[in-house]
């Protein structure tokens, strides 16, 4: 992707991360919705051009996306796609490719939440090796002249009940909508995304109320300066903290909650 599209995808990834890290978020549902949108956009060049046309005002492009998706997918995914339509793109095809990439990102967020990211990465790698050594199987899975439901039936026979649910979904999406790639190339791309996600630094943040976007950005900037790399925030709402924040990165805990400060004062008064 060229510069404008890379920036649009990066902004979309930030918005998706904020959605998927929210307590109670239906992350698997968001991934399903984004995958369906990626397929629809990939099959409709006219729609891609309409949603990326620089001659149209950004707000108009976002309104078109909102109207098209209303009632068809969840509100979170629809708002995310509308935000993408509002962005500038170097090429229309980059929009559908970016929605597909965000679908993968959401699926990997599910694996990360479930503590299965290592397992998913390993399963994708091992399946890639199987396809590298079995050309007939790779061709059968990637032959788009064969109906998608038949190729997905092959996936089910190969992986059903044998791999993590996220791995199964990722492979199924890739086989159903390879977007011009071989299945092996697609697996390598998804496996790389899983590896990059596994190597991120994650801060587990506890707060009494949700953080605003400005507060999240400020906290990420502070943590980046402290740790020397990008830090992803996982937010947990806990009214018991009363106010302030507790931040845990690895074994380090920065506890600035009101509850902790009150407990410290109480200990001092009773000592």
Protein backbone atom coordinates (compact mmCIF):
# COMPACT_ATOMS: atom_id res chain seq x y z
CA UNK A 1 0.00 0.00 0.00
CA UNK A 2 1.07 3.57 -0.69
CA UNK A 3 1.34 6.25 1.99
CA UNK A 4 -2.29 7.43 2.23
CA UNK A 5 -3.65 3.89 2.39
CA UNK A 6 -1.09 2.85 5.00
CA UNK A 7 -2.10 5.80 7.16
CA UNK A 8 -5.80 4.98 6.74
CA UNK A 9 -5.22 1.35 7.72
CA UNK A 10 -3.13 2.36 10.74
CA UNK A 11 -5.88 4.70 11.93
CA UNK A 12 -8.46 1.97 11.43
CA UNK A 13 -6.32 -0.46 13.41
CA UNK A 14 -6.14 2.01 16.30
CA UNK A 15 -9.92 2.39 16.30
CA UNK A 16 -10.38 -1.37 16.14
CA UNK A 17 -7.99 -1.91 19.06
CA UNK A 18 -10.01 0.54 21.13
CA UNK A 19 -13.18 -1.41 20.30
CA UNK A 20 -11.78 -4.86 20.94
CA UNK A 21 -10.12 -3.92 24.23
CA UNK A 22 -13.38 -2.57 25.70
CA UNK A 23 -14.91 -4.80 28.39
CA UNK A 24 -17.72 -6.95 27.02
CA UNK A 25 -16.94 -6.26 23.37
CA UNK A 26 -18.22 -8.88 20.92
CA UNK A 27 -14.86 -9.19 19.20
CA UNK A 28 -15.71 -12.35 17.26
CA UNK A 29 -18.85 -10.64 15.97
CA UNK A 30 -16.82 -7.63 14.83
CA UNK A 31 -14.42 -9.98 13.02
CA UNK A 32 -17.35 -11.75 11.30
CA UNK A 33 -18.87 -8.44 10.22
CA UNK A 34 -15.60 -7.07 8.85
CA UNK A 35 -14.95 -10.29 6.95
CA UNK A 36 -18.39 -10.08 5.32
CA UNK A 37 -17.78 -6.43 4.36
CA UNK A 38 -14.35 -7.26 2.92
CA UNK A 39 -15.90 -9.94 0.73
CA UNK A 40 -18.67 -7.62 -0.47
CA UNK A 41 -16.27 -4.76 -1.20
CA UNK A 42 -13.84 -7.10 -2.93
CA UNK A 43 -16.56 -8.22 -5.33
CA UNK A 44 -17.82 -4.74 -6.22
CA UNK A 45 -15.31 -2.44 -7.90
CA UNK A 46 -17.93 0.29 -8.42
CA UNK A 47 -18.65 0.40 -4.71
CA UNK A 48 -14.94 0.58 -3.87
CA UNK A 49 -14.51 3.52 -6.22
CA UNK A 50 -17.53 5.28 -4.74
CA UNK A 51 -16.25 4.92 -1.17
CA UNK A 52 -12.72 6.06 -2.00
CA UNK A 53 -13.49 8.79 -4.58
CA UNK A 54 -11.44 11.84 -3.51
CA UNK A 55 -13.88 14.07 -5.38
CA UNK A 56 -16.59 13.21 -2.85
CA UNK A 57 -16.46 14.90 0.57
CA UNK A 58 -15.23 12.57 3.30
CA UNK A 59 -18.48 12.93 5.25
CA UNK A 60 -20.49 11.92 2.18
CA UNK A 61 -18.40 8.78 1.69
CA UNK A 62 -18.90 7.87 5.36
CA UNK A 63 -22.66 8.48 5.03
CA UNK A 64 -22.84 6.17 2.00
CA UNK A 65 -21.05 3.41 3.91
CA UNK A 66 -23.34 3.89 6.93
CA UNK A 67 -26.47 3.72 4.77
CA UNK A 68 -25.24 0.61 2.94
CA UNK A 69 -24.40 -1.27 6.13
CA UNK A 70 -27.28 -0.17 8.37
CA UNK A 71 -29.07 -3.20 9.79
CA UNK A 72 -26.74 -5.61 8.01
CA UNK A 73 -23.83 -5.70 10.47
CA UNK A 74 -23.24 -4.60 14.06
CA UNK A 75 -23.00 -0.92 14.94
CA UNK A 76 -19.33 -1.13 16.00
CA UNK A 77 -18.17 -2.68 12.73
CA UNK A 78 -20.37 -0.32 10.70
CA UNK A 79 -18.89 2.73 12.44
CA UNK A 80 -15.38 1.39 11.84
CA UNK A 81 -16.03 0.90 8.11
CA UNK A 82 -17.60 4.36 7.87
CA UNK A 83 -14.42 5.77 9.41
CA UNK A 84 -12.36 3.96 6.78
CA UNK A 85 -14.56 5.41 4.03
CA UNK A 86 -13.90 8.87 5.47
CA UNK A 87 -10.12 8.34 5.06
CA UNK A 88 -7.99 9.03 2.00
CA UNK A 89 -6.90 6.03 -0.10
CA UNK A 90 -4.16 5.58 -2.67
CA UNK A 91 -6.16 2.96 -4.60
CA UNK A 92 -9.77 1.73 -4.30
CA UNK A 93 -8.68 -1.90 -3.85
CA UNK A 94 -6.78 -0.92 -0.71
CA UNK A 95 -10.11 -0.31 1.08
CA UNK A 96 -11.33 -3.90 0.77
CA UNK A 97 -7.86 -5.26 1.54
CA UNK A 98 -7.72 -3.12 4.68
CA UNK A 99 -11.13 -4.25 5.90
CA UNK A 100 -9.96 -7.84 5.42
CA UNK A 101 -6.75 -7.10 7.36
CA UNK A 102 -8.79 -5.60 10.20
CA UNK A 103 -10.98 -8.71 10.25
CA UNK A 104 -7.83 -10.78 10.80
CA UNK A 105 -6.72 -8.35 13.50
CA UNK A 106 -10.04 -8.77 15.30
CA UNK A 107 -9.82 -12.57 15.10
CA UNK A 108 -6.31 -12.45 16.56
CA UNK A 109 -7.63 -10.22 19.35
CA UNK A 110 -10.03 -13.05 20.23
CA UNK A 111 -7.11 -15.50 20.40
CA UNK A 112 -5.10 -13.06 22.51
CA UNK A 113 -8.01 -12.55 24.91
CA UNK A 114 -8.41 -16.32 25.26
CA UNK A 115 -4.69 -16.89 25.83
CA UNK A 116 -4.46 -18.87 22.57
CA UNK A 117 -2.37 -16.57 20.38
CA UNK A 118 0.75 -18.79 20.55
CA UNK A 119 -1.34 -21.83 19.70
CA UNK A 120 -3.01 -20.13 16.74
CA UNK A 121 0.32 -18.92 15.37
CA UNK A 122 1.75 -22.44 15.64
CA UNK A 123 -1.29 -24.03 13.98
CA UNK A 124 -1.13 -21.59 11.08
CA UNK A 125 2.59 -22.32 10.64
CA UNK A 126 2.07 -26.10 10.70
CA UNK A 127 -0.80 -25.91 8.21
CA UNK A 128 1.39 -23.82 5.92
CA UNK A 129 4.07 -26.52 6.05
CA UNK A 130 1.46 -29.17 5.22
CA UNK A 131 0.33 -27.23 2.16
CA UNK A 132 3.92 -26.62 1.08
CA UNK A 133 4.45 -30.38 1.00
CA UNK A 134 1.06 -31.22 -0.54
CA UNK A 135 0.55 -29.22 -3.70
CA UNK A 136 -2.70 -30.98 -4.64
CA UNK A 137 -4.30 -30.00 -1.32
CA UNK A 138 -3.11 -26.41 -1.67
CA UNK A 139 -4.54 -26.20 -5.17
CA UNK A 140 -7.86 -27.72 -4.09
CA UNK A 141 -8.27 -25.21 -1.27
CA UNK A 142 -7.33 -22.27 -3.47
CA UNK A 143 -9.23 -23.20 -6.65
CA UNK A 144 -11.81 -20.41 -6.89
CA UNK A 145 -13.46 -22.16 -9.85
CA UNK A 146 -14.86 -24.55 -7.24
CA UNK A 147 -17.80 -23.27 -5.18
CA UNK A 148 -16.75 -21.74 -1.85
CA UNK A 149 -18.99 -24.08 0.16
CA UNK A 150 -17.20 -27.10 -1.29
CA UNK A 151 -13.79 -25.64 -0.45
CA UNK A 152 -15.01 -24.85 3.06
CA UNK A 153 -16.23 -28.44 3.41
CA UNK A 154 -12.66 -29.50 2.65
CA UNK A 155 -11.42 -27.15 5.39
CA UNK A 156 -13.91 -28.68 7.81
CA UNK A 157 -12.73 -32.20 7.02
CA UNK A 158 -9.12 -31.11 7.41
CA UNK A 159 -9.37 -28.95 10.54
CA UNK A 160 -12.79 -29.43 12.14
CA UNK A 161 -12.37 -30.24 15.85
CA UNK A 162 -8.57 -30.38 15.49
CA UNK A 163 -7.51 -26.75 15.84
CA UNK A 164 -8.44 -23.70 17.90
CA UNK A 165 -11.68 -21.97 16.87
CA UNK A 166 -9.79 -18.82 15.82
CA UNK A 167 -7.48 -20.84 13.56
CA UNK A 168 -10.51 -22.52 12.02
CA UNK A 169 -12.20 -19.17 11.33
CA UNK A 170 -9.05 -17.57 9.90
CA UNK A 171 -8.38 -20.46 7.52
CA UNK A 172 -12.04 -20.60 6.50
CA UNK A 173 -12.10 -16.90 5.69
CA UNK A 174 -8.89 -17.20 3.68
CA UNK A 175 -10.20 -20.15 1.66
CA UNK A 176 -13.57 -18.49 1.04
CA UNK A 177 -12.02 -15.16 0.00
CA UNK A 178 -8.33 -15.58 -0.97
CA UNK A 179 -8.22 -12.10 -2.60
CA UNK A 180 -5.93 -13.23 -5.40
CA UNK A 181 -3.38 -14.93 -3.13
CA UNK A 182 -2.40 -18.57 -2.87
CA UNK A 183 -3.58 -20.17 0.37
CA UNK A 184 0.05 -20.67 1.43
CA UNK A 185 0.80 -16.98 0.90
CA UNK A 186 -2.33 -16.02 2.81
CA UNK A 187 -1.40 -18.27 5.73
CA UNK A 188 2.09 -16.76 5.84
CA UNK A 189 0.59 -13.26 5.92
CA UNK A 190 -1.83 -14.11 8.74
CA UNK A 191 0.91 -15.95 10.63
CA UNK A 192 3.12 -12.87 10.41
CA UNK A 193 0.30 -10.73 11.83
CA UNK A 194 -0.10 -13.21 14.71
CA UNK A 195 3.64 -13.13 15.45
CA UNK A 196 3.71 -9.32 15.44
CA UNK A 197 0.75 -9.19 17.80
CA UNK A 198 2.33 -11.73 20.17
CA UNK A 199 5.46 -9.57 20.44
CA UNK A 200 3.56 -6.41 21.42
CA UNK A 201 3.89 -4.93 24.86
CA UNK A 202 0.52 -4.96 26.61
CA UNK A 203 -0.53 -2.72 29.49
CA UNK A 204 -3.44 -3.97 31.59
CA UNK A 205 -5.26 -0.87 32.82
CA UNK A 206 -7.87 -0.86 35.58
CA UNK A 207 -10.15 2.18 35.91
CA UNK A 208 -13.51 3.05 37.41
CA UNK A 209 -14.85 4.55 34.15
CA UNK A 210 -13.95 4.21 30.45
CA UNK A 211 -11.04 6.33 29.21
CA UNK A 212 -11.65 8.96 26.59
CA UNK A 213 -9.74 8.71 23.32
CA UNK A 214 -7.57 11.62 24.46
CA UNK A 215 -6.79 9.89 27.76
CA UNK A 216 -5.91 6.64 25.97
CA UNK A 217 -3.59 8.47 23.58
CA UNK A 218 -1.88 10.34 26.42
CA UNK A 219 -1.42 7.18 28.49
CA UNK A 220 0.02 5.28 25.50
CA UNK A 221 2.47 8.12 24.85
CA UNK A 222 3.63 8.09 28.49
CA UNK A 223 4.08 4.31 28.50
CA UNK A 224 5.92 4.42 25.16
CA UNK A 225 8.42 6.86 26.68
CA UNK A 226 8.82 4.59 29.72
CA UNK A 227 9.27 1.30 27.85
CA UNK A 228 10.74 2.44 24.54
CA UNK A 229 8.16 0.74 22.31
CA UNK A 230 4.51 0.88 21.35
CA UNK A 231 2.19 -0.29 24.13
CA UNK A 232 -1.31 -1.70 23.62
CA UNK A 233 -3.91 -0.94 26.31
CA UNK A 234 -6.30 -3.56 27.66
CA UNK A 235 -8.88 -1.76 29.81
CA UNK A 236 -10.76 -3.39 32.70
CA UNK A 237 -13.56 -1.40 34.36
CA UNK A 238 -13.75 -1.82 38.13
CA UNK A 239 -15.91 0.65 40.12
CA UNK A 240 -14.11 -0.49 43.29
CA UNK A 241 -11.02 1.53 42.36
CA UNK A 242 -13.15 4.70 42.81
CA UNK A 243 -10.91 6.82 40.56
CA UNK A 244 -7.45 7.04 39.04
CA UNK A 245 -5.72 4.20 37.24
CA UNK A 246 -3.85 1.00 37.93
CA UNK A 247 -1.46 -0.02 35.14
CA UNK A 248 0.32 -3.39 34.94
CA UNK A 249 3.00 -4.07 32.33
CA UNK A 250 4.59 -7.47 32.80
CA UNK A 251 5.55 -7.73 36.47
CA UNK A 252 5.51 -3.96 37.03
CA UNK A 253 2.45 -2.29 38.56
CA UNK A 254 1.81 1.46 38.67
CA UNK A 255 -1.09 1.90 41.08
CA UNK A 256 -2.56 5.38 41.19
CA UNK A 257 -6.12 4.45 42.11
CA UNK A 258 -8.09 6.37 44.71
CA UNK A 259 -8.87 3.13 46.53
CA UNK A 260 -5.18 2.36 46.99
CA UNK A 261 -4.39 5.89 48.15
CA UNK A 262 -7.24 5.73 50.68
CA UNK A 263 -6.03 2.36 51.91
CA UNK A 264 -2.51 3.79 52.33
CA UNK A 265 -3.83 6.74 54.35
CA UNK A 266 -5.88 4.39 56.51
CA UNK A 267 -2.83 2.27 57.25
CA UNK A 268 -0.86 5.37 58.22
CA UNK A 269 -3.62 6.50 60.57
CA UNK A 270 -3.82 3.16 62.32
CA UNK A 271 -0.07 2.50 62.58
